[in-house]
Amino acid sequence: MANSTFCPVCQRKNDIELNRCAYCGSILRTQQSGIGIHTTLNITPTLENLRTDVHCQECLAQITEGAICFIIEKKQTPIIFHNVSETILGRFFDEAADTNFDLDPYGGGAFGVSRRHARIVRVNNKFVFEDLNSTNGSWLNGQRIPTGTTYPLMSGDQIWLGQFKLQVCFHQPEVSPHSIILLRDTTKSSAAKLTPDQLITKIAPYLKAISDLQAIAAHCLQQGTKDVAIEKIDASGSDSYIVVHVVNHPEAIQLIRKWITPWRREQAIAEDPLPDATETKQAIAQLTLKLIADISPGLDNDARFAMIEKALPIVTSLATSSIELSFEAL
């Protein structure tokens, strides 16, 4: 008879009599099956990024279009679902549906995952994410999402289900170089209509920062650099948005959506905002580090630090500008 069992989360060997892993504290699989955790534990999520040695680029080499690769923290083997139309993320699935992702064997119960926590659906060749009224909530790239609303996914996005963290990787359809972005001036005293002063002092620097970020992304990805071009600016609507028709910016917009917008919102809703300029600079430096690591995780230290130094003033401009990029219509 076996006298030991392996933790499903950290993969370390434990004494068979233990209910929890002696190394990471996760409930062991023998306790999760059958008569284990049937009621979802109430968990306070920790807003720390997923840590893993596996990268999306490695996953993409193993999958085809329509498949999703899940990277789970502390598990070095990615989990792949092929030909996904819908997958429910949760635990204790009595129905043996191949498209359901049972997180119970990976410590889902201990980390506050509900039975039917969230789902990913493929719509028009793209994937969207939705929380299913879970007990402990769902986060997308550090931003909590309300129940019943679908959010578009991009390859490399981080999903948190309570305290359970994973990353999704998939082949994205070709992004059109032509698109429309919506800008909004968050200054309460901003004019209802676009003024020359606002265009010169706020809109133009923000668009220049997008262009500079795109150039850095193209350099890291070893792509040919194409200048971001503005085809049209429209501020004739009755709402507060400025509509900009642009070309050649896809990576920059994705990076802003994934990293900078959630960071801005965290600062806006924080109970204890950053108290001084020094701490703000340090926080933005950490944000820049994550952004560069996301673009090109394989950079050596010298190249990474060079890119961080180059990107820091650009990220600072995008993170602190009174102009924000809206994704409501993207």
C-alpha atoms as a PDB file:
ATOM      1  CA  MET A   1       0.000   0.000   0.000  1.00  0.00           C
ATOM      2  CA  ALA A   2       1.330   3.430  -0.881  1.00  0.00           C
ATOM      3  CA  ASN A   3       2.492   5.466   2.083  1.00  0.00           C
ATOM      4  CA  SER A   4       2.739   8.770   0.223  1.00  0.00           C
ATOM      5  CA  THR A   5       0.766  10.950  -2.165  1.00  0.00           C
ATOM      6  CA  PHE A   6       1.679  13.803  -4.494  1.00  0.00           C
ATOM      7  CA  CYS A   7       0.228  17.297  -4.110  1.00  0.00           C
ATOM      8  CA  PRO A   8      -1.790  18.218  -7.252  1.00  0.00           C
ATOM      9  CA  VAL A   9      -0.609  21.839  -7.014  1.00  0.00           C
ATOM     10  CA  CYS A  10       3.125  21.804  -6.226  1.00  0.00           C
ATOM     11  CA  GLN A  11       3.714  18.134  -7.201  1.00  0.00           C
ATOM     12  CA  ARG A  12       5.681  17.360  -4.007  1.00  0.00           C
ATOM     13  CA  LYS A  13       5.453  14.082  -2.149  1.00  0.00           C
ATOM     14  CA  ASN A  14       3.478  14.060   1.124  1.00  0.00           C
ATOM     15  CA  ASP A  15       2.705  11.497   3.794  1.00  0.00           C
ATOM     16  CA  ILE A  16      -0.490   9.635   2.893  1.00  0.00           C
ATOM     17  CA  GLU A  17      -2.105  10.611   6.201  1.00  0.00           C
ATOM     18  CA  LEU A  18      -1.851  14.361   5.580  1.00  0.00           C
ATOM     19  CA  ASN A  19      -5.002  16.258   4.598  1.00  0.00           C
ATOM     20  CA  ARG A  20      -3.077  19.302   3.381  1.00  0.00           C
ATOM     21  CA  CYS A  21       0.215  19.610   1.524  1.00  0.00           C
ATOM     22  CA  ALA A  22       3.095  20.192   3.938  1.00  0.00           C
ATOM     23  CA  TYR A  23       4.753  22.513   1.385  1.00  0.00           C
ATOM     24  CA  CYS A  24       2.044  24.715  -0.170  1.00  0.00           C
ATOM     25  CA  GLY A  25      -0.983  24.055   2.060  1.00  0.00           C
ATOM     26  CA  SER A  26      -3.262  22.816  -0.729  1.00  0.00           C
ATOM     27  CA  ILE A  27      -5.841  20.145   0.072  1.00  0.00           C
ATOM     28  CA  LEU A  28      -4.577  16.829  -1.271  1.00  0.00           C
ATOM     29  CA  ARG A  29      -6.474  15.110  -4.052  1.00  0.00           C
ATOM     30  CA  THR A  30      -7.453  12.165  -1.894  1.00  0.00           C
ATOM     31  CA  GLN A  31      -9.387  14.602   0.251  1.00  0.00           C
ATOM     32  CA  GLN A  32     -10.888  16.451  -2.691  1.00  0.00           C
ATOM     33  CA  SER A  33     -12.417  13.422  -4.396  1.00  0.00           C
ATOM     34  CA  GLY A  34     -15.812  12.056  -3.395  1.00  0.00           C
ATOM     35  CA  ILE A  35     -16.334  13.509   0.078  1.00  0.00           C
ATOM     36  CA  GLY A  36     -13.916  16.438  -0.069  1.00  0.00           C
ATOM     37  CA  ILE A  37     -14.822  20.108  -0.472  1.00  0.00           C
ATOM     38  CA  HIS A  38     -18.353  20.238  -1.876  1.00  0.00           C
ATOM     39  CA  THR A  39     -19.145  23.727  -0.558  1.00  0.00           C
ATOM     40  CA  THR A  40     -17.120  26.568  -2.047  1.00  0.00           C
ATOM     41  CA  LEU A  41     -14.767  28.144   0.478  1.00  0.00           C
ATOM     42  CA  ASN A  42     -14.912  31.904   0.879  1.00  0.00           C
ATOM     43  CA  ILE A  43     -11.524  33.203  -0.200  1.00  0.00           C
ATOM     44  CA  THR A  44      -9.943  36.652  -0.219  1.00  0.00           C
ATOM     45  CA  PRO A  45      -8.044  36.854  -3.524  1.00  0.00           C
ATOM     46  CA  THR A  46      -4.443  38.064  -3.560  1.00  0.00           C
ATOM     47  CA  LEU A  47      -3.727  40.410  -6.449  1.00  0.00           C
ATOM     48  CA  GLU A  48      -0.336  38.965  -7.382  1.00  0.00           C
ATOM     49  CA  ASN A  49       0.525  37.960 -10.924  1.00  0.00           C
ATOM     50  CA  LEU A  50       0.754  34.314 -11.852  1.00  0.00           C
ATOM     51  CA  ARG A  51       4.275  32.940 -11.556  1.00  0.00           C
ATOM     52  CA  THR A  52       5.331  30.201 -13.928  1.00  0.00           C
ATOM     53  CA  ASP A  53       8.306  29.102 -15.994  1.00  0.00           C
ATOM     54  CA  VAL A  54       6.067  28.136 -18.932  1.00  0.00           C
ATOM     55  CA  HIS A  55       5.437  30.776 -21.597  1.00  0.00           C
ATOM     56  CA  CYS A  56       2.711  31.189 -24.195  1.00  0.00           C
ATOM     57  CA  GLN A  57       5.170  30.838 -27.055  1.00  0.00           C
ATOM     58  CA  GLU A  58       5.904  27.279 -25.955  1.00  0.00           C
ATOM     59  CA  CYS A  59       2.187  26.458 -25.847  1.00  0.00           C
ATOM     60  CA  LEU A  60       1.398  27.957 -29.245  1.00  0.00           C
ATOM     61  CA  ALA A  61       3.861  25.570 -30.877  1.00  0.00           C
ATOM     62  CA  GLN A  62       1.755  22.651 -29.578  1.00  0.00           C
ATOM     63  CA  ILE A  63      -1.734  23.750 -30.600  1.00  0.00           C
ATOM     64  CA  THR A  64      -3.740  24.605 -33.688  1.00  0.00           C
ATOM     65  CA  GLU A  65      -6.408  27.236 -34.304  1.00  0.00           C
ATOM     66  CA  GLY A  66      -9.471  26.748 -32.105  1.00  0.00           C
ATOM     67  CA  ALA A  67      -7.527  25.157 -29.242  1.00  0.00           C
ATOM     68  CA  ILE A  68      -6.779  26.735 -25.860  1.00  0.00           C
ATOM     69  CA  CYS A  69      -3.704  26.070 -23.762  1.00  0.00           C
ATOM     70  CA  PHE A  70      -4.029  26.663 -19.996  1.00  0.00           C
ATOM     71  CA  ILE A  71      -0.950  27.389 -17.905  1.00  0.00           C
ATOM     72  CA  ILE A  72      -1.531  26.763 -14.196  1.00  0.00           C
ATOM     73  CA  GLU A  73       0.664  28.240 -11.487  1.00  0.00           C
ATOM     74  CA  LYS A  74       3.164  25.725 -10.040  1.00  0.00           C
ATOM     75  CA  LYS A  75       2.287  23.149 -12.716  1.00  0.00           C
ATOM     76  CA  GLN A  76       4.870  23.033 -15.473  1.00  0.00           C
ATOM     77  CA  THR A  77       2.834  20.961 -17.945  1.00  0.00           C
ATOM     78  CA  PRO A  78       0.314  23.044 -19.923  1.00  0.00           C
ATOM     79  CA  ILE A  79      -3.217  21.657 -20.300  1.00  0.00           C
ATOM     80  CA  ILE A  80      -4.659  21.769 -23.816  1.00  0.00           C
ATOM     81  CA  PHE A  81      -8.274  21.721 -24.973  1.00  0.00           C
ATOM     82  CA  HIS A  82      -8.766  21.189 -28.710  1.00  0.00           C
ATOM     83  CA  ASN A  83     -11.607  22.527 -30.897  1.00  0.00           C
ATOM     84  CA  VAL A  84     -13.132  24.586 -28.084  1.00  0.00           C
ATOM     85  CA  SER A  85     -16.615  26.016 -28.559  1.00  0.00           C
ATOM     86  CA  GLU A  86     -17.343  26.376 -24.824  1.00  0.00           C
ATOM     87  CA  THR A  87     -15.585  25.235 -21.669  1.00  0.00           C
ATOM     88  CA  ILE A  88     -16.808  25.611 -18.079  1.00  0.00           C
ATOM     89  CA  LEU A  89     -14.110  26.215 -15.483  1.00  0.00           C
ATOM     90  CA  GLY A  90     -15.007  24.782 -12.077  1.00  0.00           C
ATOM     91  CA  ARG A  91     -14.837  21.555 -10.059  1.00  0.00           C
ATOM     92  CA  PHE A  92     -16.706  18.331  -9.209  1.00  0.00           C
ATOM     93  CA  PHE A  93     -18.297  17.824 -12.583  1.00  0.00           C
ATOM     94  CA  ASP A  94     -20.686  14.893 -12.310  1.00  0.00           C
ATOM     95  CA  GLU A  95     -21.310  15.109 -16.029  1.00  0.00           C
ATOM     96  CA  ALA A  96     -18.217  13.871 -17.846  1.00  0.00           C
ATOM     97  CA  ALA A  97     -18.164  16.532 -20.544  1.00  0.00           C
ATOM     98  CA  ASP A  98     -14.860  16.694 -22.372  1.00  0.00           C
ATOM     99  CA  THR A  99     -15.119  20.460 -22.693  1.00  0.00           C
ATOM    100  CA  ASN A 100     -15.438  21.070 -18.930  1.00  0.00           C
ATOM    101  CA  PHE A 101     -12.197  21.984 -17.164  1.00  0.00           C
ATOM    102  CA  ASP A 102     -12.278  20.345 -13.729  1.00  0.00           C
ATOM    103  CA  LEU A 103      -9.897  22.309 -11.497  1.00  0.00           C
ATOM    104  CA  ASP A 104     -10.445  20.053  -8.486  1.00  0.00           C
ATOM    105  CA  PRO A 105      -7.326  17.923  -9.143  1.00  0.00           C
ATOM    106  CA  TYR A 106      -5.223  21.093  -9.160  1.00  0.00           C
ATOM    107  CA  GLY A 107      -6.365  22.434  -5.787  1.00  0.00           C
ATOM    108  CA  GLY A 108      -9.343  24.430  -7.048  1.00  0.00           C
ATOM    109  CA  GLY A 109     -11.417  23.833  -3.921  1.00  0.00           C
ATOM    110  CA  ALA A 110      -8.708  25.140  -1.603  1.00  0.00           C
ATOM    111  CA  PHE A 111      -8.346  28.276  -3.720  1.00  0.00           C
ATOM    112  CA  GLY A 112     -12.053  29.159  -3.737  1.00  0.00           C
ATOM    113  CA  VAL A 113     -13.142  27.869  -7.144  1.00  0.00           C
ATOM    114  CA  SER A 114     -16.911  27.354  -7.429  1.00  0.00           C
ATOM    115  CA  ARG A 115     -18.512  24.271  -9.011  1.00  0.00           C
ATOM    116  CA  ARG A 116     -19.412  26.308 -12.094  1.00  0.00           C
ATOM    117  CA  HIS A 117     -17.141  29.301 -11.663  1.00  0.00           C
ATOM    118  CA  ALA A 118     -16.664  30.778 -15.146  1.00  0.00           C
ATOM    119  CA  ARG A 119     -16.743  29.891 -18.796  1.00  0.00           C
ATOM    120  CA  ILE A 120     -14.860  30.572 -22.011  1.00  0.00           C
ATOM    121  CA  VAL A 121     -16.840  30.642 -25.253  1.00  0.00           C
ATOM    122  CA  ARG A 122     -15.686  30.884 -28.848  1.00  0.00           C
ATOM    123  CA  VAL A 123     -17.663  33.517 -30.735  1.00  0.00           C
ATOM    124  CA  ASN A 124     -16.904  34.513 -34.331  1.00  0.00           C
ATOM    125  CA  ASN A 125     -13.480  32.863 -34.156  1.00  0.00           C
ATOM    126  CA  LYS A 126     -12.631  34.766 -30.968  1.00  0.00           C
ATOM    127  CA  PHE A 127     -12.751  33.737 -27.300  1.00  0.00           C
ATOM    128  CA  VAL A 128     -14.719  35.558 -24.602  1.00  0.00           C
ATOM    129  CA  PHE A 129     -14.692  35.073 -20.827  1.00  0.00           C
ATOM    130  CA  GLU A 130     -17.606  35.258 -18.368  1.00  0.00           C
ATOM    131  CA  ASP A 131     -18.024  34.806 -14.611  1.00  0.00           C
ATOM    132  CA  LEU A 132     -20.951  32.508 -13.716  1.00  0.00           C
ATOM    133  CA  ASN A 133     -22.008  34.172 -10.460  1.00  0.00           C
ATOM    134  CA  SER A 134     -19.148  32.526  -8.576  1.00  0.00           C
ATOM    135  CA  THR A 135     -18.695  32.787  -4.818  1.00  0.00           C
ATOM    136  CA  ASN A 136     -15.262  34.409  -4.901  1.00  0.00           C
ATOM    137  CA  GLY A 137     -15.363  36.245  -8.213  1.00  0.00           C
ATOM    138  CA  SER A 138     -13.234  36.288 -11.356  1.00  0.00           C
ATOM    139  CA  TRP A 139     -10.464  38.630 -12.463  1.00  0.00           C
ATOM    140  CA  LEU A 140      -9.077  39.322 -15.929  1.00  0.00           C
ATOM    141  CA  ASN A 141      -5.539  40.739 -15.895  1.00  0.00           C
ATOM    142  CA  GLY A 142      -6.022  42.014 -12.355  1.00  0.00           C
ATOM    143  CA  GLN A 143      -9.423  43.620 -12.972  1.00  0.00           C
ATOM    144  CA  ARG A 144     -12.494  42.076 -11.364  1.00  0.00           C
ATOM    145  CA  ILE A 145     -15.262  41.434 -13.872  1.00  0.00           C
ATOM    146  CA  PRO A 146     -18.972  41.586 -13.054  1.00  0.00           C
ATOM    147  CA  THR A 147     -21.148  38.508 -13.402  1.00  0.00           C
ATOM    148  CA  GLY A 148     -23.096  38.092 -16.621  1.00  0.00           C
ATOM    149  CA  THR A 149     -20.881  40.245 -18.831  1.00  0.00           C
ATOM    150  CA  THR A 150     -18.587  38.720 -21.447  1.00  0.00           C
ATOM    151  CA  TYR A 151     -15.077  40.061 -21.959  1.00  0.00           C
ATOM    152  CA  PRO A 152     -12.875  39.428 -25.003  1.00  0.00           C
ATOM    153  CA  LEU A 153      -9.778  37.317 -24.346  1.00  0.00           C
ATOM    154  CA  MET A 154      -6.343  37.767 -25.838  1.00  0.00           C
ATOM    155  CA  SER A 155      -3.641  35.146 -25.873  1.00  0.00           C
ATOM    156  CA  GLY A 156      -1.515  35.603 -22.763  1.00  0.00           C
ATOM    157  CA  ASP A 157      -4.334  36.954 -20.578  1.00  0.00           C
ATOM    158  CA  GLN A 158      -4.270  35.997 -16.911  1.00  0.00           C
ATOM    159  CA  ILE A 159      -7.466  34.709 -15.317  1.00  0.00           C
ATOM    160  CA  TRP A 160      -7.992  34.474 -11.553  1.00  0.00           C
ATOM    161  CA  LEU A 161     -10.831  32.384 -10.140  1.00  0.00           C
ATOM    162  CA  GLY A 162     -10.831  33.343  -6.484  1.00  0.00           C
ATOM    163  CA  GLN A 163      -7.184  32.654  -5.646  1.00  0.00           C
ATOM    164  CA  PHE A 164      -6.720  30.125  -8.441  1.00  0.00           C
ATOM    165  CA  LYS A 165      -4.550  31.595 -11.199  1.00  0.00           C
ATOM    166  CA  LEU A 166      -4.060  30.482 -14.764  1.00  0.00           C
ATOM    167  CA  GLN A 167      -3.057  31.888 -18.118  1.00  0.00           C
ATOM    168  CA  VAL A 168      -4.739  31.263 -21.471  1.00  0.00           C
ATOM    169  CA  CYS A 169      -2.862  30.942 -24.739  1.00  0.00           C
ATOM    170  CA  PHE A 170      -4.321  30.453 -28.219  1.00  0.00           C
ATOM    171  CA  HIS A 171      -3.761  31.428 -31.818  1.00  0.00           C
ATOM    172  CA  GLN A 172      -5.415  34.770 -32.466  1.00  0.00           C
ATOM    173  CA  PRO A 173      -6.924  35.674 -35.823  1.00  0.00           C
ATOM    174  CA  GLU A 174      -5.079  38.210 -37.886  1.00  0.00           C
ATOM    175  CA  VAL A 175      -5.636  41.702 -36.535  1.00  0.00           C
ATOM    176  CA  SER A 176      -6.679  44.293 -39.053  1.00  0.00           C
ATOM    177  CA  PRO A 177      -4.226  47.191 -39.207  1.00  0.00           C
ATOM    178  CA  HIS A 178      -7.218  49.518 -39.543  1.00  0.00           C
ATOM    179  CA  SER A 179      -9.301  50.092 -36.444  1.00  0.00           C
ATOM    180  CA  ILE A 180     -11.148  52.642 -34.361  1.00  0.00           C
ATOM    181  CA  ILE A 181     -10.163  53.602 -30.827  1.00  0.00           C
ATOM    182  CA  LEU A 182     -12.113  55.696 -28.362  1.00  0.00           C
ATOM    183  CA  LEU A 183     -10.360  58.231 -26.148  1.00  0.00           C
ATOM    184  CA  ARG A 184     -11.890  59.965 -23.158  1.00  0.00           C
ATOM    185  CA  ASP A 185     -10.619  62.881 -21.109  1.00  0.00           C
ATOM    186  CA  THR A 186     -11.056  61.925 -17.455  1.00  0.00           C
ATOM    187  CA  THR A 187     -10.601  65.493 -16.259  1.00  0.00           C
ATOM    188  CA  LYS A 188     -13.897  66.596 -14.751  1.00  0.00           C
ATOM    189  CA  SER A 189     -13.473  70.120 -16.056  1.00  0.00           C
ATOM    190  CA  SER A 190     -12.738  68.982 -19.625  1.00  0.00           C
ATOM    191  CA  ALA A 191     -14.710  70.680 -22.369  1.00  0.00           C
ATOM    192  CA  ALA A 192     -17.679  68.933 -23.921  1.00  0.00           C
ATOM    193  CA  LYS A 193     -16.159  69.444 -27.382  1.00  0.00           C
ATOM    194  CA  LEU A 194     -12.618  68.918 -28.577  1.00  0.00           C
ATOM    195  CA  THR A 195     -10.607  72.131 -28.392  1.00  0.00           C
ATOM    196  CA  PRO A 196      -7.285  72.986 -30.118  1.00  0.00           C
ATOM    197  CA  ASP A 197      -5.574  73.180 -26.728  1.00  0.00           C
ATOM    198  CA  GLN A 198      -6.873  69.745 -25.722  1.00  0.00           C
ATOM    199  CA  LEU A 199      -5.801  68.287 -29.066  1.00  0.00           C
ATOM    200  CA  ILE A 200      -2.250  69.651 -28.749  1.00  0.00           C
ATOM    201  CA  THR A 201      -1.583  69.181 -25.047  1.00  0.00           C
ATOM    202  CA  LYS A 202      -3.456  65.917 -24.340  1.00  0.00           C
ATOM    203  CA  ILE A 203      -4.617  63.949 -27.381  1.00  0.00           C
ATOM    204  CA  ALA A 204      -1.454  64.317 -29.461  1.00  0.00           C
ATOM    205  CA  PRO A 205       0.953  63.250 -26.661  1.00  0.00           C
ATOM    206  CA  TYR A 206      -1.238  60.238 -25.885  1.00  0.00           C
ATOM    207  CA  LEU A 207      -1.325  59.125 -29.516  1.00  0.00           C
ATOM    208  CA  LYS A 208       2.443  59.680 -29.741  1.00  0.00           C
ATOM    209  CA  ALA A 209       2.906  57.403 -26.708  1.00  0.00           C
ATOM    210  CA  ILE A 210       0.821  54.697 -28.426  1.00  0.00           C
ATOM    211  CA  SER A 211       3.039  55.019 -31.501  1.00  0.00           C
ATOM    212  CA  ASP A 212       6.218  54.785 -29.385  1.00  0.00           C
ATOM    213  CA  LEU A 213       4.904  51.728 -27.533  1.00  0.00           C
ATOM    214  CA  GLN A 214       4.092  50.063 -30.857  1.00  0.00           C
ATOM    215  CA  ALA A 215       7.668  50.674 -32.015  1.00  0.00           C
ATOM    216  CA  ILE A 216       9.040  49.000 -28.874  1.00  0.00           C
ATOM    217  CA  ALA A 217       6.708  46.020 -29.299  1.00  0.00           C
ATOM    218  CA  ALA A 218       7.744  45.645 -32.946  1.00  0.00           C
ATOM    219  CA  HIS A 219      11.419  45.767 -31.935  1.00  0.00           C
ATOM    220  CA  CYS A 220      10.992  43.128 -29.199  1.00  0.00           C
ATOM    221  CA  LEU A 221       9.019  40.882 -31.565  1.00  0.00           C
ATOM    222  CA  GLN A 222      11.579  41.460 -34.338  1.00  0.00           C
ATOM    223  CA  GLN A 223       8.918  42.805 -36.663  1.00  0.00           C
ATOM    224  CA  GLY A 224       9.352  45.463 -39.272  1.00  0.00           C
ATOM    225  CA  THR A 225       8.452  48.857 -37.852  1.00  0.00           C
ATOM    226  CA  LYS A 226       5.424  50.538 -39.376  1.00  0.00           C
ATOM    227  CA  ASP A 227       4.479  54.031 -38.298  1.00  0.00           C
ATOM    228  CA  VAL A 228       1.141  54.380 -36.555  1.00  0.00           C
ATOM    229  CA  ALA A 229      -0.975  56.535 -38.870  1.00  0.00           C
ATOM    230  CA  ILE A 230      -4.060  58.584 -38.042  1.00  0.00           C
ATOM    231  CA  GLU A 231      -6.711  58.507 -40.731  1.00  0.00           C
ATOM    232  CA  LYS A 232      -9.434  60.500 -38.989  1.00  0.00           C
ATOM    233  CA  ILE A 233     -10.324  62.150 -35.660  1.00  0.00           C
ATOM    234  CA  ASP A 234     -14.011  62.603 -34.932  1.00  0.00           C
ATOM    235  CA  ALA A 235     -15.304  64.531 -31.923  1.00  0.00           C
ATOM    236  CA  SER A 236     -18.698  65.393 -33.346  1.00  0.00           C
ATOM    237  CA  GLY A 237     -20.679  62.962 -31.212  1.00  0.00           C
ATOM    238  CA  SER A 238     -22.805  64.065 -28.279  1.00  0.00           C
ATOM    239  CA  ASP A 239     -20.940  61.849 -25.806  1.00  0.00           C
ATOM    240  CA  SER A 240     -17.542  62.492 -24.234  1.00  0.00           C
ATOM    241  CA  TYR A 241     -15.564  60.155 -26.503  1.00  0.00           C
ATOM    242  CA  ILE A 242     -13.105  61.182 -29.183  1.00  0.00           C
ATOM    243  CA  VAL A 243     -13.117  58.658 -32.030  1.00  0.00           C
ATOM    244  CA  VAL A 244      -9.765  58.088 -33.721  1.00  0.00           C
ATOM    245  CA  HIS A 245      -9.293  55.980 -36.856  1.00  0.00           C
ATOM    246  CA  VAL A 246      -5.754  54.578 -36.765  1.00  0.00           C
ATOM    247  CA  VAL A 247      -3.539  52.154 -38.666  1.00  0.00           C
ATOM    248  CA  ASN A 248      -0.657  49.876 -37.558  1.00  0.00           C
ATOM    249  CA  HIS A 249      -1.034  49.787 -33.793  1.00  0.00           C
ATOM    250  CA  PRO A 250      -2.316  46.293 -32.734  1.00  0.00           C
ATOM    251  CA  GLU A 251       0.337  45.254 -30.199  1.00  0.00           C
ATOM    252  CA  ALA A 252       0.311  48.639 -28.470  1.00  0.00           C
ATOM    253  CA  ILE A 253      -3.465  48.567 -28.004  1.00  0.00           C
ATOM    254  CA  GLN A 254      -3.330  45.016 -26.653  1.00  0.00           C
ATOM    255  CA  LEU A 255      -0.620  45.973 -24.152  1.00  0.00           C
ATOM    256  CA  ILE A 256      -2.564  49.001 -22.960  1.00  0.00           C
ATOM    257  CA  ARG A 257      -5.683  46.868 -22.510  1.00  0.00           C
ATOM    258  CA  LYS A 258      -3.851  44.096 -20.695  1.00  0.00           C
ATOM    259  CA  TRP A 259      -1.530  46.039 -18.398  1.00  0.00           C
ATOM    260  CA  ILE A 260      -1.986  49.813 -18.321  1.00  0.00           C
ATOM    261  CA  THR A 261      -5.791  50.091 -18.160  1.00  0.00           C
ATOM    262  CA  PRO A 262      -6.104  47.639 -15.203  1.00  0.00           C
ATOM    263  CA  TRP A 263      -3.278  49.480 -13.415  1.00  0.00           C
ATOM    264  CA  ARG A 264      -5.024  52.830 -13.867  1.00  0.00           C
ATOM    265  CA  ARG A 265      -8.292  51.416 -12.545  1.00  0.00           C
ATOM    266  CA  GLU A 266      -6.577  49.881  -9.530  1.00  0.00           C
ATOM    267  CA  GLN A 267      -5.156  53.281  -8.652  1.00  0.00           C
ATOM    268  CA  ALA A 268      -8.554  54.937  -9.150  1.00  0.00           C
ATOM    269  CA  ILE A 269     -10.361  52.583  -6.763  1.00  0.00           C
ATOM    270  CA  ALA A 270      -7.566  51.986  -4.260  1.00  0.00           C
ATOM    271  CA  GLU A 271      -8.447  52.817  -0.654  1.00  0.00           C
ATOM    272  CA  ASP A 272      -4.839  53.847  -0.063  1.00  0.00           C
ATOM    273  CA  PRO A 273      -3.580  55.525  -3.251  1.00  0.00           C
ATOM    274  CA  LEU A 274       0.158  55.822  -3.794  1.00  0.00           C
ATOM    275  CA  PRO A 275       1.189  58.581  -1.371  1.00  0.00           C
ATOM    276  CA  ASP A 276       4.053  60.233  -3.203  1.00  0.00           C
ATOM    277  CA  ALA A 277       5.844  60.596  -6.511  1.00  0.00           C
ATOM    278  CA  THR A 278       8.610  58.176  -5.538  1.00  0.00           C
ATOM    279  CA  GLU A 279       6.204  55.309  -4.884  1.00  0.00           C
ATOM    280  CA  THR A 280       4.305  56.121  -8.075  1.00  0.00           C
ATOM    281  CA  LYS A 281       7.536  55.917 -10.072  1.00  0.00           C
ATOM    282  CA  GLN A 282       8.404  52.596  -8.459  1.00  0.00           C
ATOM    283  CA  ALA A 283       4.952  51.204  -9.207  1.00  0.00           C
ATOM    284  CA  ILE A 284       5.148  52.301 -12.853  1.00  0.00           C
ATOM    285  CA  ALA A 285       8.639  50.776 -13.117  1.00  0.00           C
ATOM    286  CA  GLN A 286       7.185  47.440 -11.969  1.00  0.00           C
ATOM    287  CA  LEU A 287       4.350  47.852 -14.466  1.00  0.00           C
ATOM    288  CA  THR A 288       6.882  48.471 -17.255  1.00  0.00           C
ATOM    289  CA  LEU A 289       8.874  45.401 -16.264  1.00  0.00           C
ATOM    290  CA  LYS A 290       5.762  43.199 -16.521  1.00  0.00           C
ATOM    291  CA  LEU A 291       4.819  44.727 -19.863  1.00  0.00           C
ATOM    292  CA  ILE A 292       8.258  44.104 -21.409  1.00  0.00           C
ATOM    293  CA  ALA A 293       8.374  40.580 -19.980  1.00  0.00           C
ATOM    294  CA  ASP A 294       5.001  39.922 -21.606  1.00  0.00           C
ATOM    295  CA  ILE A 295       6.133  41.163 -25.025  1.00  0.00           C
ATOM    296  CA  SER A 296       9.333  39.154 -25.064  1.00  0.00           C
ATOM    297  CA  PRO A 297       9.963  36.845 -22.090  1.00  0.00           C
ATOM    298  CA  GLY A 298      13.109  35.411 -23.696  1.00  0.00           C
ATOM    299  CA  LEU A 299      15.170  38.614 -23.508  1.00  0.00           C
ATOM    300  CA  ASP A 300      18.428  38.367 -21.587  1.00  0.00           C
ATOM    301  CA  ASN A 301      18.923  40.701 -18.627  1.00  0.00           C
ATOM    302  CA  ASP A 302      20.876  43.371 -20.522  1.00  0.00           C
ATOM    303  CA  ALA A 303      18.347  43.549 -23.343  1.00  0.00           C
ATOM    304  CA  ARG A 304      15.437  43.528 -20.905  1.00  0.00           C
ATOM    305  CA  PHE A 305      16.809  46.408 -18.845  1.00  0.00           C
ATOM    306  CA  ALA A 306      17.550  48.378 -22.020  1.00  0.00           C
ATOM    307  CA  MET A 307      13.945  47.936 -23.181  1.00  0.00           C
ATOM    308  CA  ILE A 308      12.578  48.828 -19.736  1.00  0.00           C
ATOM    309  CA  GLU A 309      14.621  52.029 -19.691  1.00  0.00           C
ATOM    310  CA  LYS A 310      13.344  52.926 -23.147  1.00  0.00           C
ATOM    311  CA  ALA A 311       9.722  52.051 -22.367  1.00  0.00           C
ATOM    312  CA  LEU A 312       9.505  53.653 -18.920  1.00  0.00           C
ATOM    313  CA  PRO A 313       8.727  57.245 -20.026  1.00  0.00           C
ATOM    314  CA  ILE A 314       6.192  55.907 -22.554  1.00  0.00           C
ATOM    315  CA  VAL A 315       4.384  53.765 -19.981  1.00  0.00           C
ATOM    316  CA  THR A 316       4.498  56.677 -17.524  1.00  0.00           C
ATOM    317  CA  SER A 317       2.797  58.914 -20.074  1.00  0.00           C
ATOM    318  CA  LEU A 318       0.070  56.363 -20.821  1.00  0.00           C
ATOM    319  CA  ALA A 319      -0.466  55.477 -17.157  1.00  0.00           C
ATOM    320  CA  THR A 320      -0.701  59.028 -15.818  1.00  0.00           C
ATOM    321  CA  SER A 321      -2.358  60.905 -18.685  1.00  0.00           C
ATOM    322  CA  SER A 322      -5.798  62.375 -18.132  1.00  0.00           C
ATOM    323  CA  ILE A 323      -6.672  60.689 -21.445  1.00  0.00           C
ATOM    324  CA  GLU A 324      -7.702  57.046 -21.209  1.00  0.00           C
ATOM    325  CA  LEU A 325      -8.343  54.456 -23.869  1.00  0.00           C
ATOM    326  CA  SER A 326     -11.855  53.022 -23.779  1.00  0.00           C
ATOM    327  CA  PHE A 327     -12.462  49.383 -24.723  1.00  0.00           C
ATOM    328  CA  GLU A 328     -16.231  49.554 -24.627  1.00  0.00           C
ATOM    329  CA  ALA A 329     -16.503  49.401 -28.392  1.00  0.00           C
ATOM    330  CA  LEU A 330     -13.387  47.350 -29.164  1.00  0.00           C
END
